[in-house]
C-alpha atoms as a PDB file:
ATOM      1  CA  MET A   1     -13.573  18.048 -40.702  1.00  0.00           C
ATOM      2  CA  ARG A   2     -12.663  19.701 -37.453  1.00  0.00           C
ATOM      3  CA  THR A   3     -14.086  18.664 -33.983  1.00  0.00           C
ATOM      4  CA  SER A   4     -13.717  21.102 -31.158  1.00  0.00           C
ATOM      5  CA  GLU A   5     -13.812  20.144 -27.522  1.00  0.00           C
ATOM      6  CA  PRO A   6     -17.429  21.499 -27.016  1.00  0.00           C
ATOM      7  CA  ARG A   7     -18.377  19.462 -30.031  1.00  0.00           C
ATOM      8  CA  ARG A   8     -16.741  16.268 -28.680  1.00  0.00           C
ATOM      9  CA  ARG A   9     -18.575  16.847 -25.378  1.00  0.00           C
ATOM     10  CA  ALA A  10     -21.890  17.227 -27.258  1.00  0.00           C
ATOM     11  CA  LEU A  11     -21.109  14.002 -29.190  1.00  0.00           C
ATOM     12  CA  ALA A  12     -20.491  12.170 -25.935  1.00  0.00           C
ATOM     13  CA  ALA A  13     -23.816  13.471 -24.485  1.00  0.00           C
ATOM     14  CA  LEU A  14     -25.551  12.468 -27.703  1.00  0.00           C
ATOM     15  CA  ALA A  15     -24.267   8.992 -27.262  1.00  0.00           C
ATOM     16  CA  GLY A  16     -25.668   8.791 -23.813  1.00  0.00           C
ATOM     17  CA  SER A  17     -29.040  10.008 -24.955  1.00  0.00           C
ATOM     18  CA  LEU A  18     -29.233   7.428 -27.732  1.00  0.00           C
ATOM     19  CA  ALA A  19     -28.163   4.726 -25.272  1.00  0.00           C
ATOM     20  CA  GLY A  20     -31.121   5.658 -23.014  1.00  0.00           C
ATOM     21  CA  PHE A  21     -33.573   5.727 -25.830  1.00  0.00           C
ATOM     22  CA  LEU A  22     -32.522   2.719 -27.854  1.00  0.00           C
ATOM     23  CA  ALA A  23     -30.371   0.445 -25.784  1.00  0.00           C
ATOM     24  CA  ALA A  24     -31.154   0.891 -22.012  1.00  0.00           C
ATOM     25  CA  ALA A  25     -32.053  -2.697 -21.621  1.00  0.00           C
ATOM     26  CA  HIS A  26     -28.664  -3.707 -23.094  1.00  0.00           C
ATOM     27  CA  ALA A  27     -26.318  -1.492 -21.106  1.00  0.00           C
ATOM     28  CA  ALA A  28     -23.519  -3.363 -19.385  1.00  0.00           C
ATOM     29  CA  PRO A  29     -21.172  -1.395 -17.015  1.00  0.00           C
ATOM     30  CA  ALA A  30     -18.898  -4.374 -16.463  1.00  0.00           C
ATOM     31  CA  LEU A  31     -17.759  -6.903 -19.024  1.00  0.00           C
ATOM     32  CA  SER A  32     -18.721 -10.228 -17.433  1.00  0.00           C
ATOM     33  CA  ALA A  33     -17.591 -13.550 -18.665  1.00  0.00           C
ATOM     34  CA  GLU A  34     -20.814 -14.060 -20.472  1.00  0.00           C
ATOM     35  CA  ASN A  35     -20.698 -10.603 -22.056  1.00  0.00           C
ATOM     36  CA  ALA A  36     -17.112 -11.230 -23.046  1.00  0.00           C
ATOM     37  CA  ARG A  37     -18.335 -14.035 -25.278  1.00  0.00           C
ATOM     38  CA  ARG A  38     -20.844 -11.639 -26.781  1.00  0.00           C
ATOM     39  CA  SER A  39     -18.258  -8.873 -27.332  1.00  0.00           C
ATOM     40  CA  ILE A  40     -16.868  -8.131 -30.788  1.00  0.00           C
ATOM     41  CA  ASP A  41     -13.625  -6.594 -31.928  1.00  0.00           C
ATOM     42  CA  GLN A  42     -12.698  -7.096 -35.489  1.00  0.00           C
ATOM     43  CA  SER A  43     -11.411  -5.112 -38.453  1.00  0.00           C
ATOM     44  CA  SER A  44     -11.295  -6.078 -42.168  1.00  0.00           C
ATOM     45  CA  PHE A  45     -11.566  -4.966 -45.715  1.00  0.00           C
ATOM     46  CA  VAL A  46     -15.095  -5.328 -47.082  1.00  0.00           C
ATOM     47  CA  PRO A  47     -15.991  -5.146 -50.750  1.00  0.00           C
ATOM     48  CA  MET A  48     -18.099  -2.076 -51.509  1.00  0.00           C
ATOM     49  CA  GLY A  49     -18.684  -0.615 -54.941  1.00  0.00           C
ATOM     50  CA  GLY A  50     -15.991  -2.736 -56.526  1.00  0.00           C
ATOM     51  CA  LEU A  51     -13.374  -1.572 -53.864  1.00  0.00           C
ATOM     52  CA  ASP A  52     -12.160  -3.258 -50.699  1.00  0.00           C
ATOM     53  CA  GLN A  53     -12.858  -0.764 -47.887  1.00  0.00           C
ATOM     54  CA  TRP A  54     -11.636  -0.987 -44.243  1.00  0.00           C
ATOM     55  CA  ILE A  55     -14.082  -1.193 -41.408  1.00  0.00           C
ATOM     56  CA  SER A  56     -13.745  -1.900 -37.710  1.00  0.00           C
ATOM     57  CA  ILE A  57     -16.516  -3.332 -35.521  1.00  0.00           C
ATOM     58  CA  ARG A  58     -16.209  -3.010 -31.714  1.00  0.00           C
ATOM     59  CA  GLY A  59     -18.627  -3.469 -28.831  1.00  0.00           C
ATOM     60  CA  GLU A  60     -19.159  -5.110 -25.575  1.00  0.00           C
ATOM     61  CA  ASP A  61     -22.290  -6.919 -26.404  1.00  0.00           C
ATOM     62  CA  ARG A  62     -23.350  -7.665 -30.047  1.00  0.00           C
ATOM     63  CA  ARG A  63     -26.938  -7.630 -29.005  1.00  0.00           C
ATOM     64  CA  ASN A  64     -26.654  -3.854 -28.745  1.00  0.00           C
ATOM     65  CA  PRO A  65     -27.799  -1.515 -31.537  1.00  0.00           C
ATOM     66  CA  VAL A  66     -25.221  -1.023 -34.270  1.00  0.00           C
ATOM     67  CA  LEU A  67     -23.958   2.550 -34.648  1.00  0.00           C
ATOM     68  CA  LEU A  68     -22.211   3.318 -37.999  1.00  0.00           C
ATOM     69  CA  VAL A  69     -19.957   6.340 -37.827  1.00  0.00           C
ATOM     70  CA  VAL A  70     -19.657   8.167 -41.149  1.00  0.00           C
ATOM     71  CA  HIS A  71     -16.641  10.377 -40.868  1.00  0.00           C
ATOM     72  CA  GLY A  72     -16.151  14.008 -42.092  1.00  0.00           C
ATOM     73  CA  GLY A  73     -13.428  15.474 -44.281  1.00  0.00           C
ATOM     74  CA  PRO A  74     -13.525  14.342 -46.994  1.00  0.00           C
ATOM     75  CA  GLY A  75     -10.786  12.112 -45.583  1.00  0.00           C
ATOM     76  CA  GLU A  76     -10.973  12.540 -41.874  1.00  0.00           C
ATOM     77  CA  ALA A  77     -10.988   8.879 -40.916  1.00  0.00           C
ATOM     78  CA  GLN A  78     -11.772   8.303 -37.242  1.00  0.00           C
ATOM     79  CA  TRP A  79      -9.833   5.237 -36.412  1.00  0.00           C
ATOM     80  CA  PRO A  80      -6.863   7.290 -35.063  1.00  0.00           C
ATOM     81  CA  GLN A  81      -9.354   8.648 -32.431  1.00  0.00           C
ATOM     82  CA  ALA A  82     -10.734   5.160 -31.625  1.00  0.00           C
ATOM     83  CA  ALA A  83     -10.121   5.566 -27.858  1.00  0.00           C
ATOM     84  CA  ARG A  84     -12.657   8.422 -27.737  1.00  0.00           C
ATOM     85  CA  TYR A  85     -15.405   5.979 -28.775  1.00  0.00           C
ATOM     86  CA  ARG A  86     -14.675   3.395 -26.127  1.00  0.00           C
ATOM     87  CA  ALA A  87     -17.432   4.639 -23.782  1.00  0.00           C
ATOM     88  CA  TRP A  88     -19.931   4.220 -26.623  1.00  0.00           C
ATOM     89  CA  GLU A  89     -19.085   0.615 -27.013  1.00  0.00           C
ATOM     90  CA  GLU A  90     -20.869  -0.236 -23.723  1.00  0.00           C
ATOM     91  CA  ALA A  91     -24.217   0.534 -25.330  1.00  0.00           C
ATOM     92  CA  PHE A  92     -23.502   0.266 -29.012  1.00  0.00           C
ATOM     93  CA  THR A  93     -21.681  -1.941 -31.546  1.00  0.00           C
ATOM     94  CA  VAL A  94     -19.662   0.937 -32.976  1.00  0.00           C
ATOM     95  CA  VAL A  95     -18.577   0.579 -36.663  1.00  0.00           C
ATOM     96  CA  GLN A  96     -15.804   2.886 -38.111  1.00  0.00           C
ATOM     97  CA  TRP A  97     -15.619   3.048 -41.860  1.00  0.00           C
ATOM     98  CA  ASP A  98     -12.631   4.409 -43.834  1.00  0.00           C
ATOM     99  CA  GLN A  99     -14.361   5.663 -47.030  1.00  0.00           C
ATOM    100  CA  ARG A 100     -12.744   5.402 -50.412  1.00  0.00           C
ATOM    101  CA  GLY A 101      -9.979   7.988 -50.456  1.00  0.00           C
ATOM    102  CA  ALA A 102      -9.502   7.963 -46.583  1.00  0.00           C
ATOM    103  CA  GLY A 103      -7.426   6.124 -44.020  1.00  0.00           C
ATOM    104  CA  HIS A 104      -6.752   2.421 -44.474  1.00  0.00           C
ATOM    105  CA  THR A 105      -8.722   2.276 -47.757  1.00  0.00           C
ATOM    106  CA  PHE A 106      -6.585   5.141 -49.176  1.00  0.00           C
ATOM    107  CA  GLY A 107      -3.490   3.420 -47.828  1.00  0.00           C
ATOM    108  CA  ARG A 108      -4.399   0.387 -50.028  1.00  0.00           C
ATOM    109  CA  TYR A 109      -5.283   2.126 -53.242  1.00  0.00           C
ATOM    110  CA  GLY A 110      -3.747   5.667 -53.004  1.00  0.00           C
ATOM    111  CA  ALA A 111      -4.057   7.988 -55.946  1.00  0.00           C
ATOM    112  CA  LYS A 112      -5.483   5.097 -57.996  1.00  0.00           C
ATOM    113  CA  THR A 113      -8.717   5.173 -56.042  1.00  0.00           C
ATOM    114  CA  PRO A 114     -11.512   5.308 -58.587  1.00  0.00           C
ATOM    115  CA  ASP A 115     -14.881   6.984 -58.710  1.00  0.00           C
ATOM    116  CA  MET A 116     -14.446   9.639 -56.070  1.00  0.00           C
ATOM    117  CA  THR A 117     -18.051  11.031 -56.297  1.00  0.00           C
ATOM    118  CA  LEU A 118     -20.661  11.826 -53.658  1.00  0.00           C
ATOM    119  CA  GLU A 119     -23.040   9.348 -55.424  1.00  0.00           C
ATOM    120  CA  ARG A 120     -20.544   6.479 -55.394  1.00  0.00           C
ATOM    121  CA  ILE A 121     -19.517   6.981 -51.732  1.00  0.00           C
ATOM    122  CA  SER A 122     -23.150   7.185 -50.617  1.00  0.00           C
ATOM    123  CA  ASN A 123     -23.886   4.005 -52.466  1.00  0.00           C
ATOM    124  CA  ASP A 124     -20.828   2.400 -50.637  1.00  0.00           C
ATOM    125  CA  GLY A 125     -22.470   3.360 -47.419  1.00  0.00           C
ATOM    126  CA  VAL A 126     -25.736   1.725 -48.353  1.00  0.00           C
ATOM    127  CA  GLU A 127     -23.833  -1.504 -49.242  1.00  0.00           C
ATOM    128  CA  LEU A 128     -22.016  -1.279 -45.866  1.00  0.00           C
ATOM    129  CA  ALA A 129     -25.378  -0.926 -44.016  1.00  0.00           C
ATOM    130  CA  GLU A 130     -26.653  -3.903 -45.763  1.00  0.00           C
ATOM    131  CA  TYR A 131     -23.615  -5.868 -44.917  1.00  0.00           C
ATOM    132  CA  LEU A 132     -23.860  -4.860 -41.293  1.00  0.00           C
ATOM    133  CA  CYS A 133     -27.467  -5.867 -41.088  1.00  0.00           C
ATOM    134  CA  ARG A 134     -26.659  -9.244 -42.722  1.00  0.00           C
ATOM    135  CA  THR A 135     -23.528 -10.165 -40.709  1.00  0.00           C
ATOM    136  CA  LEU A 136     -24.637  -8.815 -37.321  1.00  0.00           C
ATOM    137  CA  GLY A 137     -28.207 -10.065 -37.531  1.00  0.00           C
ATOM    138  CA  LYS A 138     -29.925  -6.610 -37.406  1.00  0.00           C
ATOM    139  CA  LYS A 139     -33.094  -5.371 -39.243  1.00  0.00           C
ATOM    140  CA  LYS A 140     -31.907  -1.858 -39.028  1.00  0.00           C
ATOM    141  CA  ILE A 141     -28.843   0.187 -37.819  1.00  0.00           C
ATOM    142  CA  ILE A 142     -28.166   3.761 -36.576  1.00  0.00           C
ATOM    143  CA  VAL A 143     -26.144   5.990 -38.777  1.00  0.00           C
ATOM    144  CA  LEU A 144     -24.165   9.066 -37.476  1.00  0.00           C
ATOM    145  CA  GLY A 145     -22.862  11.569 -39.966  1.00  0.00           C
ATOM    146  CA  HIS A 146     -20.318  14.235 -38.996  1.00  0.00           C
ATOM    147  CA  SER A 147     -19.758  17.232 -41.248  1.00  0.00           C
ATOM    148  CA  TRP A 148     -18.994  15.893 -44.696  1.00  0.00           C
ATOM    149  CA  GLY A 149     -20.264  12.564 -43.312  1.00  0.00           C
ATOM    150  CA  SER A 150     -23.641  14.150 -42.773  1.00  0.00           C
ATOM    151  CA  ILE A 151     -23.900  14.616 -46.563  1.00  0.00           C
ATOM    152  CA  ILE A 152     -23.100  10.975 -47.154  1.00  0.00           C
ATOM    153  CA  ALA A 153     -25.387   9.736 -44.332  1.00  0.00           C
ATOM    154  CA  VAL A 154     -28.364  11.814 -45.398  1.00  0.00           C
ATOM    155  CA  ALA A 155     -27.933  10.435 -48.931  1.00  0.00           C
ATOM    156  CA  MET A 156     -27.753   6.920 -47.626  1.00  0.00           C
ATOM    157  CA  VAL A 157     -31.041   7.287 -45.561  1.00  0.00           C
ATOM    158  CA  GLN A 158     -32.771   8.911 -48.604  1.00  0.00           C
ATOM    159  CA  ARG A 159     -31.781   5.922 -50.811  1.00  0.00           C
ATOM    160  CA  ARG A 160     -32.687   3.172 -48.345  1.00  0.00           C
ATOM    161  CA  PRO A 161     -34.637   4.516 -45.390  1.00  0.00           C
ATOM    162  CA  GLU A 162     -35.742   0.990 -44.429  1.00  0.00           C
ATOM    163  CA  LEU A 163     -32.212   0.098 -43.398  1.00  0.00           C
ATOM    164  CA  PHE A 164     -32.002   2.763 -40.658  1.00  0.00           C
ATOM    165  CA  ALA A 165     -33.563   3.028 -37.229  1.00  0.00           C
ATOM    166  CA  ALA A 166     -32.231   6.599 -36.750  1.00  0.00           C
ATOM    167  CA  TYR A 167     -30.118   9.199 -38.374  1.00  0.00           C
ATOM    168  CA  VAL A 168     -27.931  11.398 -36.161  1.00  0.00           C
ATOM    169  CA  GLY A 169     -26.211  14.498 -37.549  1.00  0.00           C
ATOM    170  CA  THR A 170     -23.491  16.643 -35.991  1.00  0.00           C
ATOM    171  CA  GLY A 171     -21.675  19.462 -37.598  1.00  0.00           C
ATOM    172  CA  MET A 172     -24.422  19.242 -40.200  1.00  0.00           C
ATOM    173  CA  VAL A 173     -23.850  20.638 -43.698  1.00  0.00           C
ATOM    174  CA  GLY A 174     -27.102  22.344 -44.530  1.00  0.00           C
ATOM    175  CA  SER A 175     -25.840  23.941 -47.777  1.00  0.00           C
ATOM    176  CA  TRP A 176     -22.456  23.406 -49.427  1.00  0.00           C
ATOM    177  CA  LYS A 177     -22.713  26.668 -51.334  1.00  0.00           C
ATOM    178  CA  GLY A 178     -23.900  28.479 -48.223  1.00  0.00           C
ATOM    179  CA  ALA A 179     -21.000  27.155 -46.073  1.00  0.00           C
ATOM    180  CA  ILE A 180     -18.535  28.426 -48.713  1.00  0.00           C
ATOM    181  CA  LYS A 181     -20.159  31.818 -48.727  1.00  0.00           C
ATOM    182  CA  VAL A 182     -20.035  32.027 -44.850  1.00  0.00           C
ATOM    183  CA  LYS A 183     -16.269  31.262 -44.979  1.00  0.00           C
ATOM    184  CA  PHE A 184     -15.685  33.794 -47.678  1.00  0.00           C
ATOM    185  CA  ASP A 185     -17.585  36.554 -45.931  1.00  0.00           C
ATOM    186  CA  LEU A 186     -15.607  35.844 -42.671  1.00  0.00           C
ATOM    187  CA  VAL A 187     -12.275  36.139 -44.410  1.00  0.00           C
ATOM    188  CA  LEU A 188     -13.412  39.307 -46.207  1.00  0.00           C
ATOM    189  CA  ALA A 189     -14.732  40.940 -43.023  1.00  0.00           C
ATOM    190  CA  LYS A 190     -11.454  40.091 -41.258  1.00  0.00           C
ATOM    191  CA  ALA A 191      -9.388  41.726 -44.114  1.00  0.00           C
ATOM    192  CA  ARG A 192     -11.531  44.881 -43.880  1.00  0.00           C
ATOM    193  CA  ALA A 193     -11.261  45.019 -40.144  1.00  0.00           C
ATOM    194  CA  ASP A 194      -7.380  44.694 -40.422  1.00  0.00           C
ATOM    195  CA  GLY A 195      -7.238  47.433 -43.131  1.00  0.00           C
ATOM    196  CA  ASP A 196      -5.700  44.890 -45.510  1.00  0.00           C
ATOM    197  CA  ALA A 197      -6.548  46.754 -48.756  1.00  0.00           C
ATOM    198  CA  ALA A 198      -4.735  44.368 -51.051  1.00  0.00           C
ATOM    199  CA  SER A 199      -6.550  41.349 -49.667  1.00  0.00           C
ATOM    200  CA  VAL A 200      -9.954  43.179 -49.809  1.00  0.00           C
ATOM    201  CA  LYS A 201      -9.319  44.037 -53.450  1.00  0.00           C
ATOM    202  CA  GLN A 202      -8.300  40.545 -54.320  1.00  0.00           C
ATOM    203  CA  LEU A 203     -11.240  38.921 -52.474  1.00  0.00           C
ATOM    204  CA  GLU A 204     -13.762  41.374 -53.905  1.00  0.00           C
ATOM    205  CA  ALA A 205     -12.440  40.680 -57.433  1.00  0.00           C
ATOM    206  CA  SER A 206     -12.486  36.900 -57.133  1.00  0.00           C
ATOM    207  CA  GLY A 207     -15.651  36.328 -55.082  1.00  0.00           C
ATOM    208  CA  PRO A 208     -16.318  33.014 -53.205  1.00  0.00           C
ATOM    209  CA  PRO A 209     -14.635  29.893 -54.613  1.00  0.00           C
ATOM    210  CA  ASP A 210     -16.647  27.878 -57.141  1.00  0.00           C
ATOM    211  CA  PRO A 211     -18.534  25.232 -55.184  1.00  0.00           C
ATOM    212  CA  ASN A 212     -17.884  22.805 -57.948  1.00  0.00           C
ATOM    213  CA  ASP A 213     -14.154  23.224 -57.812  1.00  0.00           C
ATOM    214  CA  ALA A 214     -12.948  21.158 -54.777  1.00  0.00           C
ATOM    215  CA  ASN A 215      -9.358  22.251 -55.104  1.00  0.00           C
ATOM    216  CA  LYS A 216     -10.317  25.935 -54.866  1.00  0.00           C
ATOM    217  CA  VAL A 217     -12.739  25.239 -52.086  1.00  0.00           C
ATOM    218  CA  PHE A 218     -10.300  23.337 -49.863  1.00  0.00           C
ATOM    219  CA  GLY A 219      -7.472  25.648 -50.912  1.00  0.00           C
ATOM    220  CA  PHE A 220      -9.478  28.605 -49.617  1.00  0.00           C
ATOM    221  CA  ASN A 221      -9.696  26.915 -46.253  1.00  0.00           C
ATOM    222  CA  ASP A 222      -6.024  27.830 -45.726  1.00  0.00           C
ATOM    223  CA  ARG A 223      -7.319  31.411 -45.310  1.00  0.00           C
ATOM    224  CA  VAL A 224     -10.090  30.342 -42.893  1.00  0.00           C
ATOM    225  CA  TYR A 225      -7.956  28.240 -40.496  1.00  0.00           C
ATOM    226  CA  PRO A 226      -6.280  31.187 -38.815  1.00  0.00           C
ATOM    227  CA  LEU A 227      -9.755  32.548 -37.904  1.00  0.00           C
ATOM    228  CA  TRP A 228     -10.832  29.345 -36.122  1.00  0.00           C
ATOM    229  CA  ALA A 229     -11.337  29.202 -32.445  1.00  0.00           C
ATOM    230  CA  PRO A 230      -8.134  28.313 -30.548  1.00  0.00           C
ATOM    231  CA  SER A 231      -9.548  24.963 -29.451  1.00  0.00           C
ATOM    232  CA  ASP A 232     -10.221  24.065 -33.149  1.00  0.00           C
ATOM    233  CA  VAL A 233      -6.810  25.126 -34.117  1.00  0.00           C
ATOM    234  CA  ALA A 234      -5.182  23.075 -31.377  1.00  0.00           C
ATOM    235  CA  TRP A 235      -7.301  20.062 -32.491  1.00  0.00           C
ATOM    236  CA  ILE A 236      -6.012  20.265 -36.040  1.00  0.00           C
ATOM    237  CA  LYS A 237      -2.469  20.737 -34.878  1.00  0.00           C
ATOM    238  CA  SER A 238      -2.717  17.635 -32.690  1.00  0.00           C
ATOM    239  CA  LEU A 239      -3.911  15.566 -35.582  1.00  0.00           C
ATOM    240  CA  ARG A 240      -1.041  16.750 -37.829  1.00  0.00           C
ATOM    241  CA  ALA A 241       1.456  16.273 -35.080  1.00  0.00           C
ATOM    242  CA  ASP A 242       0.318  12.661 -34.657  1.00  0.00           C
ATOM    243  CA  ALA A 243       0.533  11.810 -38.337  1.00  0.00           C
ATOM    244  CA  PRO A 244       4.259  10.742 -38.340  1.00  0.00           C
ATOM    245  CA  ARG A 245       3.563   8.289 -35.532  1.00  0.00           C
ATOM    246  CA  LEU A 246       0.512   6.821 -37.363  1.00  0.00           C
ATOM    247  CA  LYS A 247       2.473   6.540 -40.623  1.00  0.00           C
ATOM    248  CA  ALA A 248       5.314   4.742 -38.869  1.00  0.00           C
ATOM    249  CA  ALA A 249       2.891   2.407 -37.037  1.00  0.00           C
ATOM    250  CA  TYR A 250       0.881   1.640 -40.151  1.00  0.00           C
ATOM    251  CA  PRO A 251       3.157   2.031 -43.146  1.00  0.00           C
ATOM    252  CA  LYS A 252       1.016   0.079 -45.552  1.00  0.00           C
ATOM    253  CA  ARG A 253      -2.272   1.646 -44.415  1.00  0.00           C
ATOM    254  CA  THR A 254      -1.296   5.379 -44.341  1.00  0.00           C
ATOM    255  CA  ALA A 255       0.261   6.169 -47.664  1.00  0.00           C
ATOM    256  CA  SER A 256       2.031   9.386 -48.257  1.00  0.00           C
ATOM    257  CA  GLY A 257      -0.426  12.203 -48.886  1.00  0.00           C
ATOM    258  CA  SER A 258      -3.197  10.455 -47.002  1.00  0.00           C
ATOM    259  CA  ALA A 259      -6.622  12.090 -47.414  1.00  0.00           C
ATOM    260  CA  SER A 260      -6.882  12.109 -43.646  1.00  0.00           C
ATOM    261  CA  ILE A 261      -4.488  15.088 -43.611  1.00  0.00           C
ATOM    262  CA  ARG A 262      -5.434  16.805 -46.788  1.00  0.00           C
ATOM    263  CA  PRO A 263      -8.915  16.378 -48.231  1.00  0.00           C
ATOM    264  CA  TRP A 264      -9.310  14.562 -51.510  1.00  0.00           C
ATOM    265  CA  PRO A 265     -11.137  16.557 -54.290  1.00  0.00           C
ATOM    266  CA  ILE A 266     -14.608  15.240 -54.640  1.00  0.00           C
ATOM    267  CA  ARG A 267     -16.683  16.040 -57.681  1.00  0.00           C
ATOM    268  CA  SER A 268     -19.698  17.972 -56.570  1.00  0.00           C
ATOM    269  CA  ARG A 269     -23.200  16.607 -56.488  1.00  0.00           C
ATOM    270  CA  PRO A 270     -26.481  18.081 -55.028  1.00  0.00           C
ATOM    271  CA  ILE A 271     -26.216  17.700 -51.271  1.00  0.00           C
ATOM    272  CA  CYS A 272     -29.796  17.299 -50.102  1.00  0.00           C
ATOM    273  CA  ARG A 273     -32.937  16.450 -52.028  1.00  0.00           C
ATOM    274  CA  ARG A 274     -36.242  16.163 -50.292  1.00  0.00           C
ATOM    275  CA  PRO A 275     -37.258  12.496 -50.022  1.00  0.00           C
ATOM    276  CA  PRO A 276     -40.376  11.451 -51.799  1.00  0.00           C
ATOM    277  CA  ALA A 277     -43.721  11.557 -49.863  1.00  0.00           C
ATOM    278  CA  GLY A 278     -44.292   8.430 -47.833  1.00  0.00           C
ATOM    279  CA  SER A 279     -40.642   7.300 -48.103  1.00  0.00           C
ATOM    280  CA  GLY A 280     -40.652   6.070 -44.492  1.00  0.00           C
ATOM    281  CA  ARG A 281     -37.894   8.490 -43.491  1.00  0.00           C
ATOM    282  CA  PRO A 282     -36.549   7.527 -40.060  1.00  0.00           C
ATOM    283  CA  SER A 283     -36.355   9.960 -37.131  1.00  0.00           C
ATOM    284  CA  SER A 284     -33.381  12.338 -36.935  1.00  0.00           C
ATOM    285  CA  SER A 285     -31.399  14.292 -34.362  1.00  0.00           C
ATOM    286  CA  SER A 286     -29.311  17.117 -35.662  1.00  0.00           C
ATOM    287  CA  ARG A 287     -27.465  20.299 -34.802  1.00  0.00           C
ATOM    288  CA  ASP A 288     -28.275  23.027 -37.440  1.00  0.00           C
ATOM    289  CA  ALA A 289     -25.166  24.325 -39.090  1.00  0.00           C
ATOM    290  CA  THR A 290     -24.061  25.676 -42.480  1.00  0.00           C
ATOM    291  CA  THR A 291     -20.407  25.297 -41.862  1.00  0.00           C
ATOM    292  CA  SER A 292     -18.394  22.144 -41.540  1.00  0.00           C
END
């Protein structure tokens, strides 16, 4: 979902830590002629779950660990921010994935996109991890989940832990229902502090949005946005301001109403289930949070 400047700095620091832990031997500050032959820069549509989904693979040395970025949202594809990931490409082969209902993938299928469920998207991610291991010659990859993407990535690891060397979470969703309650309490507290009796009465009568009704949940966010930190508000404004340029540059890949701007309703599923004992769960690095 949103990514403030402090969070972006934290992500950059995290990338550096991972590089030191997993890829110090592969770091290459300059792209030599030999490394240029080892570099990779490609994008394509890959079949996942019966749907062709867009991915990009970039890195300075394909011997480096593979880092799959599972974006937030739903619908916040990261390819428009690709330049922010360039530094990571020295130590990792960075994979961006436009999930079904997002970015280039949404641009291809639009409102006809089928099976928009947490279970299906998580299984898509597992298929992608298998594809990356197979095509890039890796036994395991690293998966990074941001916000909504942390739900997807955790589910991927729970399903197939043997595919992943590490899980990294940022803007973690610890509880979908809890996150909605936090937002509701924030809006109600602000209405009370402002002496807005009408809003207080309406909020107390309605209660928090139903976690199983995505339209109501994301619609309620319109009341939350004004309470964000100024840096977060500026970030969202910059994304929306850049949308016309992206649509003009990629008319066939950014269909009108793209989920990158307005989240796609996702039918609810349980977010986190404890994996079975002895499942071989990989190590994780996360920032605790209940909001996304």
